[in-house]
């Protein structure tokens, strides 16, 4: 089922332990472990594809934005 997320649609899938999801031809997400409040996911992606947790991605974006703004002063 799709859900609206930030003005775009999000595909929501159910998976069990050891089941995978393919993104394109070369990115594979595998459910490694299911816990009470956590899911452990394995990500198999080419080395040129950056993979980050959301909070790390946000920090990198913020740092890059700060650096860009500093150069314009």
C-alpha atoms as a PDB file:
ATOM      1  CA  UNK A   1       0.000   0.000   0.000  1.00  0.00           C
ATOM      2  CA  UNK A   2       1.245   3.530  -0.739  1.00  0.00           C
ATOM      3  CA  UNK A   3       1.324   6.299   1.859  1.00  0.00           C
ATOM      4  CA  UNK A   4       1.789  10.014   1.408  1.00  0.00           C
ATOM      5  CA  UNK A   5       5.086  11.162   2.914  1.00  0.00           C
ATOM      6  CA  UNK A   6       6.216  14.760   2.545  1.00  0.00           C
ATOM      7  CA  UNK A   7       4.076  15.357  -0.531  1.00  0.00           C
ATOM      8  CA  UNK A   8       5.360  12.250  -2.331  1.00  0.00           C
ATOM      9  CA  UNK A   9       4.168   8.662  -2.248  1.00  0.00           C
ATOM     10  CA  UNK A  10       6.023   6.052  -0.216  1.00  0.00           C
ATOM     11  CA  UNK A  11       5.839   2.399  -1.188  1.00  0.00           C
ATOM     12  CA  UNK A  12       5.283   0.278   1.919  1.00  0.00           C
ATOM     13  CA  UNK A  13       6.194  -3.405   1.735  1.00  0.00           C
ATOM     14  CA  UNK A  14       5.984  -6.257   4.221  1.00  0.00           C
ATOM     15  CA  UNK A  15       9.021  -8.501   4.478  1.00  0.00           C
ATOM     16  CA  UNK A  16       9.998 -11.345   6.781  1.00  0.00           C
ATOM     17  CA  UNK A  17      13.419 -12.226   8.142  1.00  0.00           C
ATOM     18  CA  UNK A  18      15.861 -13.175   5.345  1.00  0.00           C
ATOM     19  CA  UNK A  19      13.598 -11.702   2.649  1.00  0.00           C
ATOM     20  CA  UNK A  20      14.901  -8.983   0.347  1.00  0.00           C
ATOM     21  CA  UNK A  21      13.832  -5.967  -1.656  1.00  0.00           C
ATOM     22  CA  UNK A  22      15.598  -4.956  -4.882  1.00  0.00           C
ATOM     23  CA  UNK A  23      16.038  -1.311  -5.852  1.00  0.00           C
ATOM     24  CA  UNK A  24      16.937  -1.238  -9.517  1.00  0.00           C
ATOM     25  CA  UNK A  25      19.316  -3.968 -10.633  1.00  0.00           C
ATOM     26  CA  UNK A  26      22.122  -3.481  -8.142  1.00  0.00           C
ATOM     27  CA  UNK A  27      20.814  -2.448  -4.712  1.00  0.00           C
ATOM     28  CA  UNK A  28      19.492  -5.186  -2.456  1.00  0.00           C
ATOM     29  CA  UNK A  29      17.965  -4.626   1.000  1.00  0.00           C
ATOM     30  CA  UNK A  30      17.697  -7.739   3.183  1.00  0.00           C
ATOM     31  CA  UNK A  31      15.893  -8.044   6.497  1.00  0.00           C
ATOM     32  CA  UNK A  32      18.519  -9.572   8.796  1.00  0.00           C
ATOM     33  CA  UNK A  33      16.804  -9.467  12.175  1.00  0.00           C
ATOM     34  CA  UNK A  34      13.445  -8.381  13.563  1.00  0.00           C
ATOM     35  CA  UNK A  35      13.321  -7.105  17.122  1.00  0.00           C
ATOM     36  CA  UNK A  36      10.638  -5.600  19.285  1.00  0.00           C
ATOM     37  CA  UNK A  37      11.510  -2.021  18.367  1.00  0.00           C
ATOM     38  CA  UNK A  38      14.274  -2.401  15.769  1.00  0.00           C
ATOM     39  CA  UNK A  39      14.825  -3.966  12.393  1.00  0.00           C
ATOM     40  CA  UNK A  40      18.328  -4.885  11.247  1.00  0.00           C
ATOM     41  CA  UNK A  41      18.708  -4.366   7.490  1.00  0.00           C
ATOM     42  CA  UNK A  42      21.577  -5.473   5.284  1.00  0.00           C
ATOM     43  CA  UNK A  43      22.326  -3.270   2.283  1.00  0.00           C
ATOM     44  CA  UNK A  44      24.206  -4.598  -0.712  1.00  0.00           C
ATOM     45  CA  UNK A  45      25.017  -1.689  -3.032  1.00  0.00           C
ATOM     46  CA  UNK A  46      27.829  -0.736  -5.408  1.00  0.00           C
ATOM     47  CA  UNK A  47      30.661   1.215  -3.733  1.00  0.00           C
ATOM     48  CA  UNK A  48      29.820   4.356  -5.719  1.00  0.00           C
ATOM     49  CA  UNK A  49      26.345   4.526  -4.119  1.00  0.00           C
ATOM     50  CA  UNK A  50      26.495   6.402  -0.802  1.00  0.00           C
ATOM     51  CA  UNK A  51      24.466   4.744   1.957  1.00  0.00           C
ATOM     52  CA  UNK A  52      23.855   6.596   5.251  1.00  0.00           C
ATOM     53  CA  UNK A  53      21.421   6.528   8.140  1.00  0.00           C
ATOM     54  CA  UNK A  54      19.011   9.486   7.861  1.00  0.00           C
ATOM     55  CA  UNK A  55      20.569  11.428  10.762  1.00  0.00           C
ATOM     56  CA  UNK A  56      24.054  11.072   9.255  1.00  0.00           C
ATOM     57  CA  UNK A  57      22.777  12.116   5.820  1.00  0.00           C
ATOM     58  CA  UNK A  58      21.104  15.184   7.345  1.00  0.00           C
ATOM     59  CA  UNK A  59      24.318  16.136   9.183  1.00  0.00           C
ATOM     60  CA  UNK A  60      26.371  15.782   5.984  1.00  0.00           C
ATOM     61  CA  UNK A  61      23.878  17.936   4.065  1.00  0.00           C
ATOM     62  CA  UNK A  62      23.880  20.566   6.799  1.00  0.00           C
ATOM     63  CA  UNK A  63      27.683  20.622   6.903  1.00  0.00           C
ATOM     64  CA  UNK A  64      27.873  20.956   3.121  1.00  0.00           C
ATOM     65  CA  UNK A  65      25.306  23.743   3.189  1.00  0.00           C
ATOM     66  CA  UNK A  66      27.261  25.555   5.937  1.00  0.00           C
ATOM     67  CA  UNK A  67      30.461  25.317   3.901  1.00  0.00           C
ATOM     68  CA  UNK A  68      28.710  26.651   0.805  1.00  0.00           C
ATOM     69  CA  UNK A  69      27.261  29.593   2.761  1.00  0.00           C
ATOM     70  CA  UNK A  70      30.636  30.448   4.324  1.00  0.00           C
ATOM     71  CA  UNK A  71      32.215  30.853   0.898  1.00  0.00           C
ATOM     72  CA  UNK A  72      29.627  33.445  -0.161  1.00  0.00           C
ATOM     73  CA  UNK A  73      30.334  35.891   2.684  1.00  0.00           C
END
